[in-house]
């Protein structure tokens, strides 16, 4: 009988990230996993624990296509699917961060969940920061410009969480950001579930699986 792996502790993950930050030059760590797995939470926890001198954040969600564009394409209800992101723009940002000149500040976008829109140039990233953490669903995808984005990453950690816990988190998140509870359940068990299946099919391509 195969036993279940023990959960990774935050303290252990922080120390592993600290070792990455101690490498020569710039290291870029990707955190991926299905919607609701805790990617942004872990990214923020690593940044808080290590401090702004060691870690900067550059999340994939800053490359959500604008709602007006999605509406024009008939894709508003599928927001979060792989084709609703600017994958080429994201790959270009990671390439800039990979080879960031010593005299250049790179400004990354961030996604505002309350406004449901991306805010451009909101996250300044200094060339002196040794570790950049990026997180998002499709870091391991093999279509479009996603492989170019993956090529800029030194490691990709896949966050693995009990699907029931993950779906409950998604429902709570949608409600917290203004969704009706019935609609929140519909999203979590509909489009979010479809995206989760697609993301989880790529799990074995990760550098490491983080058990939560």
C-alpha atoms as a PDB file:
ATOM      1  CA  UNK A   1       0.000   0.000   0.000  1.00  0.00           C
ATOM      2  CA  UNK A   2       1.337   3.434  -0.956  1.00  0.00           C
ATOM      3  CA  UNK A   3       1.057   5.996   1.833  1.00  0.00           C
ATOM      4  CA  UNK A   4      -0.071   9.537   1.186  1.00  0.00           C
ATOM      5  CA  UNK A   5       2.783  12.072   1.082  1.00  0.00           C
ATOM      6  CA  UNK A   6       3.107  14.347   4.077  1.00  0.00           C
ATOM      7  CA  UNK A   7       2.055  17.975   3.523  1.00  0.00           C
ATOM      8  CA  UNK A   8       4.834  20.461   2.876  1.00  0.00           C
ATOM      9  CA  UNK A   9       5.090  23.003   5.687  1.00  0.00           C
ATOM     10  CA  UNK A  10       5.300  26.717   5.008  1.00  0.00           C
ATOM     11  CA  UNK A  11       8.545  26.891   6.980  1.00  0.00           C
ATOM     12  CA  UNK A  12      10.144  24.270   4.721  1.00  0.00           C
ATOM     13  CA  UNK A  13       8.929  26.018   1.578  1.00  0.00           C
ATOM     14  CA  UNK A  14      10.289  29.343   2.819  1.00  0.00           C
ATOM     15  CA  UNK A  15      13.707  27.786   3.411  1.00  0.00           C
ATOM     16  CA  UNK A  16      13.689  26.207  -0.053  1.00  0.00           C
ATOM     17  CA  UNK A  17      12.818  29.586  -1.558  1.00  0.00           C
ATOM     18  CA  UNK A  18      15.596  31.187   0.490  1.00  0.00           C
ATOM     19  CA  UNK A  19      18.063  28.733  -1.040  1.00  0.00           C
ATOM     20  CA  UNK A  20      16.836  29.709  -4.501  1.00  0.00           C
ATOM     21  CA  UNK A  21      17.341  33.372  -3.628  1.00  0.00           C
ATOM     22  CA  UNK A  22      20.897  32.534  -2.598  1.00  0.00           C
ATOM     23  CA  UNK A  23      21.880  31.305  -6.040  1.00  0.00           C
ATOM     24  CA  UNK A  24      24.141  33.515  -8.161  1.00  0.00           C
ATOM     25  CA  UNK A  25      22.243  35.983 -10.340  1.00  0.00           C
ATOM     26  CA  UNK A  26      18.459  36.001 -10.900  1.00  0.00           C
ATOM     27  CA  UNK A  27      16.255  32.979 -10.179  1.00  0.00           C
ATOM     28  CA  UNK A  28      12.616  32.792 -11.254  1.00  0.00           C
ATOM     29  CA  UNK A  29      10.300  30.404  -9.411  1.00  0.00           C
ATOM     30  CA  UNK A  30       6.902  29.491 -10.810  1.00  0.00           C
ATOM     31  CA  UNK A  31       4.000  28.328  -8.652  1.00  0.00           C
ATOM     32  CA  UNK A  32       1.228  26.551 -10.510  1.00  0.00           C
ATOM     33  CA  UNK A  33      -1.798  24.400  -9.779  1.00  0.00           C
ATOM     34  CA  UNK A  34      -5.541  24.303 -10.310  1.00  0.00           C
ATOM     35  CA  UNK A  35      -7.736  27.321  -9.487  1.00  0.00           C
ATOM     36  CA  UNK A  36      -8.053  27.707  -5.723  1.00  0.00           C
ATOM     37  CA  UNK A  37      -4.951  25.654  -4.883  1.00  0.00           C
ATOM     38  CA  UNK A  38      -3.386  28.564  -3.000  1.00  0.00           C
ATOM     39  CA  UNK A  39      -0.829  29.851  -5.497  1.00  0.00           C
ATOM     40  CA  UNK A  40      -1.213  33.566  -4.743  1.00  0.00           C
ATOM     41  CA  UNK A  41      -1.416  32.845  -1.009  1.00  0.00           C
ATOM     42  CA  UNK A  42       1.860  30.928  -1.041  1.00  0.00           C
ATOM     43  CA  UNK A  43       3.549  33.525  -3.258  1.00  0.00           C
ATOM     44  CA  UNK A  44       2.561  36.274  -0.823  1.00  0.00           C
ATOM     45  CA  UNK A  45       3.693  34.176   2.150  1.00  0.00           C
ATOM     46  CA  UNK A  46       7.117  33.610   0.591  1.00  0.00           C
ATOM     47  CA  UNK A  47       7.453  37.319  -0.148  1.00  0.00           C
ATOM     48  CA  UNK A  48       6.406  38.269   3.377  1.00  0.00           C
ATOM     49  CA  UNK A  49       8.783  35.766   4.966  1.00  0.00           C
ATOM     50  CA  UNK A  50      11.843  36.638   2.873  1.00  0.00           C
ATOM     51  CA  UNK A  51      11.232  40.350   2.400  1.00  0.00           C
ATOM     52  CA  UNK A  52      11.315  42.701  -0.554  1.00  0.00           C
ATOM     53  CA  UNK A  53      15.118  42.675  -0.764  1.00  0.00           C
ATOM     54  CA  UNK A  54      15.050  38.991  -1.702  1.00  0.00           C
ATOM     55  CA  UNK A  55      11.691  38.427  -3.426  1.00  0.00           C
ATOM     56  CA  UNK A  56       9.520  40.209  -5.987  1.00  0.00           C
ATOM     57  CA  UNK A  57       6.166  39.011  -7.320  1.00  0.00           C
ATOM     58  CA  UNK A  58       5.101  38.957 -10.969  1.00  0.00           C
ATOM     59  CA  UNK A  59       1.774  37.056 -11.172  1.00  0.00           C
ATOM     60  CA  UNK A  60       0.404  35.599 -14.396  1.00  0.00           C
ATOM     61  CA  UNK A  61      -3.079  36.954 -13.598  1.00  0.00           C
ATOM     62  CA  UNK A  62      -1.904  40.429 -14.586  1.00  0.00           C
ATOM     63  CA  UNK A  63      -2.252  39.177 -18.162  1.00  0.00           C
ATOM     64  CA  UNK A  64      -5.998  38.502 -18.073  1.00  0.00           C
ATOM     65  CA  UNK A  65      -7.527  39.880 -21.258  1.00  0.00           C
ATOM     66  CA  UNK A  66      -9.819  42.837 -20.586  1.00  0.00           C
ATOM     67  CA  UNK A  67     -13.508  42.130 -20.044  1.00  0.00           C
ATOM     68  CA  UNK A  68     -14.516  44.130 -23.131  1.00  0.00           C
ATOM     69  CA  UNK A  69     -12.250  41.992 -25.306  1.00  0.00           C
ATOM     70  CA  UNK A  70     -13.625  38.786 -23.805  1.00  0.00           C
ATOM     71  CA  UNK A  71     -17.196  40.032 -24.309  1.00  0.00           C
ATOM     72  CA  UNK A  72     -16.469  40.823 -27.967  1.00  0.00           C
ATOM     73  CA  UNK A  73     -15.114  37.301 -28.415  1.00  0.00           C
ATOM     74  CA  UNK A  74     -18.052  35.680 -26.645  1.00  0.00           C
ATOM     75  CA  UNK A  75     -15.674  34.419 -23.980  1.00  0.00           C
ATOM     76  CA  UNK A  76     -16.772  36.485 -20.954  1.00  0.00           C
ATOM     77  CA  UNK A  77     -18.236  33.428 -19.244  1.00  0.00           C
ATOM     78  CA  UNK A  78     -15.000  31.490 -19.719  1.00  0.00           C
ATOM     79  CA  UNK A  79     -12.723  34.042 -18.078  1.00  0.00           C
ATOM     80  CA  UNK A  80      -9.778  32.164 -16.623  1.00  0.00           C
ATOM     81  CA  UNK A  81      -9.553  29.643 -19.466  1.00  0.00           C
ATOM     82  CA  UNK A  82      -6.185  29.341 -21.175  1.00  0.00           C
ATOM     83  CA  UNK A  83      -7.219  31.388 -24.209  1.00  0.00           C
ATOM     84  CA  UNK A  84      -8.365  34.338 -22.073  1.00  0.00           C
ATOM     85  CA  UNK A  85      -4.807  35.413 -21.228  1.00  0.00           C
ATOM     86  CA  UNK A  86      -2.151  37.332 -23.129  1.00  0.00           C
ATOM     87  CA  UNK A  87       0.327  34.456 -23.100  1.00  0.00           C
ATOM     88  CA  UNK A  88       2.816  36.218 -25.400  1.00  0.00           C
ATOM     89  CA  UNK A  89       2.840  39.292 -23.171  1.00  0.00           C
ATOM     90  CA  UNK A  90       3.443  37.136 -20.107  1.00  0.00           C
ATOM     91  CA  UNK A  91       6.290  35.268 -21.812  1.00  0.00           C
ATOM     92  CA  UNK A  92       7.849  38.597 -22.845  1.00  0.00           C
ATOM     93  CA  UNK A  93       7.708  39.863 -19.247  1.00  0.00           C
ATOM     94  CA  UNK A  94       9.440  36.747 -17.950  1.00  0.00           C
ATOM     95  CA  UNK A  95      12.130  37.063 -20.625  1.00  0.00           C
ATOM     96  CA  UNK A  96      12.765  40.658 -19.513  1.00  0.00           C
ATOM     97  CA  UNK A  97      13.018  39.509 -15.911  1.00  0.00           C
ATOM     98  CA  UNK A  98      15.334  36.670 -16.886  1.00  0.00           C
ATOM     99  CA  UNK A  99      17.796  39.067 -18.540  1.00  0.00           C
ATOM    100  CA  UNK A 100      17.005  42.275 -16.654  1.00  0.00           C
ATOM    101  CA  UNK A 101      19.730  44.915 -17.136  1.00  0.00           C
ATOM    102  CA  UNK A 102      21.305  46.183 -13.901  1.00  0.00           C
ATOM    103  CA  UNK A 103      20.055  49.737 -14.507  1.00  0.00           C
ATOM    104  CA  UNK A 104      16.450  48.914 -15.451  1.00  0.00           C
ATOM    105  CA  UNK A 105      13.272  48.644 -13.369  1.00  0.00           C
ATOM    106  CA  UNK A 106      10.718  46.244 -14.835  1.00  0.00           C
ATOM    107  CA  UNK A 107       7.070  47.059 -14.116  1.00  0.00           C
ATOM    108  CA  UNK A 108       4.724  44.083 -14.025  1.00  0.00           C
ATOM    109  CA  UNK A 109       0.912  44.240 -14.085  1.00  0.00           C
ATOM    110  CA  UNK A 110      -1.293  42.927 -11.315  1.00  0.00           C
ATOM    111  CA  UNK A 111      -4.878  41.703 -11.349  1.00  0.00           C
ATOM    112  CA  UNK A 112      -7.465  43.392  -9.116  1.00  0.00           C
ATOM    113  CA  UNK A 113     -10.101  40.791  -8.198  1.00  0.00           C
ATOM    114  CA  UNK A 114     -12.542  43.386  -6.880  1.00  0.00           C
ATOM    115  CA  UNK A 115     -12.438  45.359 -10.133  1.00  0.00           C
ATOM    116  CA  UNK A 116     -11.939  42.190 -12.214  1.00  0.00           C
ATOM    117  CA  UNK A 117      -9.346  43.938 -14.344  1.00  0.00           C
ATOM    118  CA  UNK A 118      -5.573  44.141 -14.729  1.00  0.00           C
ATOM    119  CA  UNK A 119      -3.662  47.166 -13.487  1.00  0.00           C
ATOM    120  CA  UNK A 120      -0.662  47.854 -15.710  1.00  0.00           C
ATOM    121  CA  UNK A 121       2.817  48.745 -14.427  1.00  0.00           C
ATOM    122  CA  UNK A 122       1.695  48.206 -10.832  1.00  0.00           C
ATOM    123  CA  UNK A 123       4.554  46.026  -9.567  1.00  0.00           C
ATOM    124  CA  UNK A 124       8.056  47.522  -9.861  1.00  0.00           C
ATOM    125  CA  UNK A 125      10.793  44.878  -9.881  1.00  0.00           C
ATOM    126  CA  UNK A 126      14.342  45.921  -9.091  1.00  0.00           C
ATOM    127  CA  UNK A 127      17.246  44.242 -10.907  1.00  0.00           C
ATOM    128  CA  UNK A 128      18.853  43.715  -7.494  1.00  0.00           C
ATOM    129  CA  UNK A 129      16.131  41.299  -6.322  1.00  0.00           C
ATOM    130  CA  UNK A 130      17.567  37.774  -6.637  1.00  0.00           C
ATOM    131  CA  UNK A 131      14.295  35.805  -6.631  1.00  0.00           C
ATOM    132  CA  UNK A 132      11.173  36.546  -8.659  1.00  0.00           C
ATOM    133  CA  UNK A 133       8.096  34.462  -7.871  1.00  0.00           C
ATOM    134  CA  UNK A 134       5.394  34.150 -10.510  1.00  0.00           C
ATOM    135  CA  UNK A 135       2.212  32.158 -10.110  1.00  0.00           C
ATOM    136  CA  UNK A 136      -0.632  31.074 -12.356  1.00  0.00           C
ATOM    137  CA  UNK A 137      -2.588  28.202 -13.807  1.00  0.00           C
ATOM    138  CA  UNK A 138      -0.852  27.637 -17.123  1.00  0.00           C
ATOM    139  CA  UNK A 139       2.883  27.767 -16.429  1.00  0.00           C
ATOM    140  CA  UNK A 140       3.275  24.200 -17.734  1.00  0.00           C
ATOM    141  CA  UNK A 141       0.988  24.481 -20.776  1.00  0.00           C
ATOM    142  CA  UNK A 142       2.431  23.310 -24.082  1.00  0.00           C
ATOM    143  CA  UNK A 143       0.526  25.501 -26.546  1.00  0.00           C
ATOM    144  CA  UNK A 144       0.885  29.099 -27.724  1.00  0.00           C
ATOM    145  CA  UNK A 145       3.595  31.138 -26.000  1.00  0.00           C
ATOM    146  CA  UNK A 146       3.345  29.202 -22.721  1.00  0.00           C
ATOM    147  CA  UNK A 147       6.462  27.074 -23.456  1.00  0.00           C
ATOM    148  CA  UNK A 148       8.413  30.326 -23.902  1.00  0.00           C
ATOM    149  CA  UNK A 149       7.203  31.430 -20.480  1.00  0.00           C
ATOM    150  CA  UNK A 150       8.212  28.082 -18.985  1.00  0.00           C
ATOM    151  CA  UNK A 151      11.681  28.379 -20.535  1.00  0.00           C
ATOM    152  CA  UNK A 152      12.308  31.512 -18.445  1.00  0.00           C
ATOM    153  CA  UNK A 153      11.579  29.694 -15.175  1.00  0.00           C
ATOM    154  CA  UNK A 154      14.234  27.892 -13.156  1.00  0.00           C
ATOM    155  CA  UNK A 155      11.743  25.801 -11.200  1.00  0.00           C
ATOM    156  CA  UNK A 156       7.991  25.218 -11.253  1.00  0.00           C
ATOM    157  CA  UNK A 157       6.258  23.976  -8.122  1.00  0.00           C
ATOM    158  CA  UNK A 158       2.829  22.375  -8.612  1.00  0.00           C
ATOM    159  CA  UNK A 159       0.520  22.931  -5.629  1.00  0.00           C
ATOM    160  CA  UNK A 160      -1.607  19.848  -4.997  1.00  0.00           C
ATOM    161  CA  UNK A 161      -4.660  20.255  -2.747  1.00  0.00           C
ATOM    162  CA  UNK A 162      -7.718  18.122  -1.969  1.00  0.00           C
ATOM    163  CA  UNK A 163     -10.270  19.031  -4.694  1.00  0.00           C
ATOM    164  CA  UNK A 164     -13.063  19.408  -2.132  1.00  0.00           C
ATOM    165  CA  UNK A 165     -11.061  21.971  -0.164  1.00  0.00           C
ATOM    166  CA  UNK A 166     -10.050  23.722  -3.366  1.00  0.00           C
ATOM    167  CA  UNK A 167     -13.622  24.005  -4.650  1.00  0.00           C
ATOM    168  CA  UNK A 168     -14.846  25.298  -1.281  1.00  0.00           C
ATOM    169  CA  UNK A 169     -12.148  27.976  -1.430  1.00  0.00           C
ATOM    170  CA  UNK A 170     -13.239  28.970  -4.927  1.00  0.00           C
ATOM    171  CA  UNK A 171     -16.861  29.354  -3.875  1.00  0.00           C
ATOM    172  CA  UNK A 172     -15.818  31.470  -0.887  1.00  0.00           C
ATOM    173  CA  UNK A 173     -13.549  33.588  -3.102  1.00  0.00           C
ATOM    174  CA  UNK A 174     -16.296  34.260  -5.647  1.00  0.00           C
ATOM    175  CA  UNK A 175     -18.745  35.224  -2.897  1.00  0.00           C
ATOM    176  CA  UNK A 176     -16.150  37.468  -1.251  1.00  0.00           C
ATOM    177  CA  UNK A 177     -15.751  39.339  -4.517  1.00  0.00           C
ATOM    178  CA  UNK A 178     -19.461  39.920  -4.985  1.00  0.00           C
ATOM    179  CA  UNK A 179     -20.908  36.797  -6.602  1.00  0.00           C
ATOM    180  CA  UNK A 180     -24.288  35.452  -5.572  1.00  0.00           C
ATOM    181  CA  UNK A 181     -23.694  32.116  -3.707  1.00  0.00           C
ATOM    182  CA  UNK A 182     -25.604  30.119  -6.324  1.00  0.00           C
ATOM    183  CA  UNK A 183     -23.581  31.693  -9.123  1.00  0.00           C
ATOM    184  CA  UNK A 184     -20.390  31.125  -7.127  1.00  0.00           C
ATOM    185  CA  UNK A 185     -21.118  27.388  -6.927  1.00  0.00           C
ATOM    186  CA  UNK A 186     -21.939  27.342 -10.630  1.00  0.00           C
ATOM    187  CA  UNK A 187     -18.584  28.921 -11.495  1.00  0.00           C
ATOM    188  CA  UNK A 188     -16.588  26.679  -9.155  1.00  0.00           C
ATOM    189  CA  UNK A 189     -18.145  23.498 -10.517  1.00  0.00           C
ATOM    190  CA  UNK A 190     -18.297  24.695 -14.136  1.00  0.00           C
ATOM    191  CA  UNK A 191     -15.578  26.815 -15.775  1.00  0.00           C
ATOM    192  CA  UNK A 192     -13.238  26.598 -12.784  1.00  0.00           C
ATOM    193  CA  UNK A 193     -13.545  22.796 -12.770  1.00  0.00           C
ATOM    194  CA  UNK A 194     -12.832  22.588 -16.503  1.00  0.00           C
ATOM    195  CA  UNK A 195      -9.724  24.730 -16.035  1.00  0.00           C
ATOM    196  CA  UNK A 196      -8.625  22.579 -13.091  1.00  0.00           C
ATOM    197  CA  UNK A 197      -8.816  19.402 -15.178  1.00  0.00           C
ATOM    198  CA  UNK A 198      -6.651  20.998 -17.868  1.00  0.00           C
ATOM    199  CA  UNK A 199      -4.080  22.231 -15.349  1.00  0.00           C
ATOM    200  CA  UNK A 200      -3.873  18.990 -13.393  1.00  0.00           C
ATOM    201  CA  UNK A 201      -3.150  17.027 -16.572  1.00  0.00           C
ATOM    202  CA  UNK A 202       0.220  18.813 -16.676  1.00  0.00           C
ATOM    203  CA  UNK A 203       1.225  18.074 -13.076  1.00  0.00           C
ATOM    204  CA  UNK A 204       3.984  15.618 -13.948  1.00  0.00           C
ATOM    205  CA  UNK A 205       5.846  18.311 -15.921  1.00  0.00           C
ATOM    206  CA  UNK A 206       6.526  20.269 -12.743  1.00  0.00           C
ATOM    207  CA  UNK A 207       9.931  20.432 -11.079  1.00  0.00           C
ATOM    208  CA  UNK A 208       8.291  19.607  -7.777  1.00  0.00           C
ATOM    209  CA  UNK A 209       4.862  18.735  -6.411  1.00  0.00           C
ATOM    210  CA  UNK A 210       3.997  20.612  -3.219  1.00  0.00           C
ATOM    211  CA  UNK A 211       1.474  18.745  -1.095  1.00  0.00           C
ATOM    212  CA  UNK A 212      -0.838  21.017   0.860  1.00  0.00           C
END
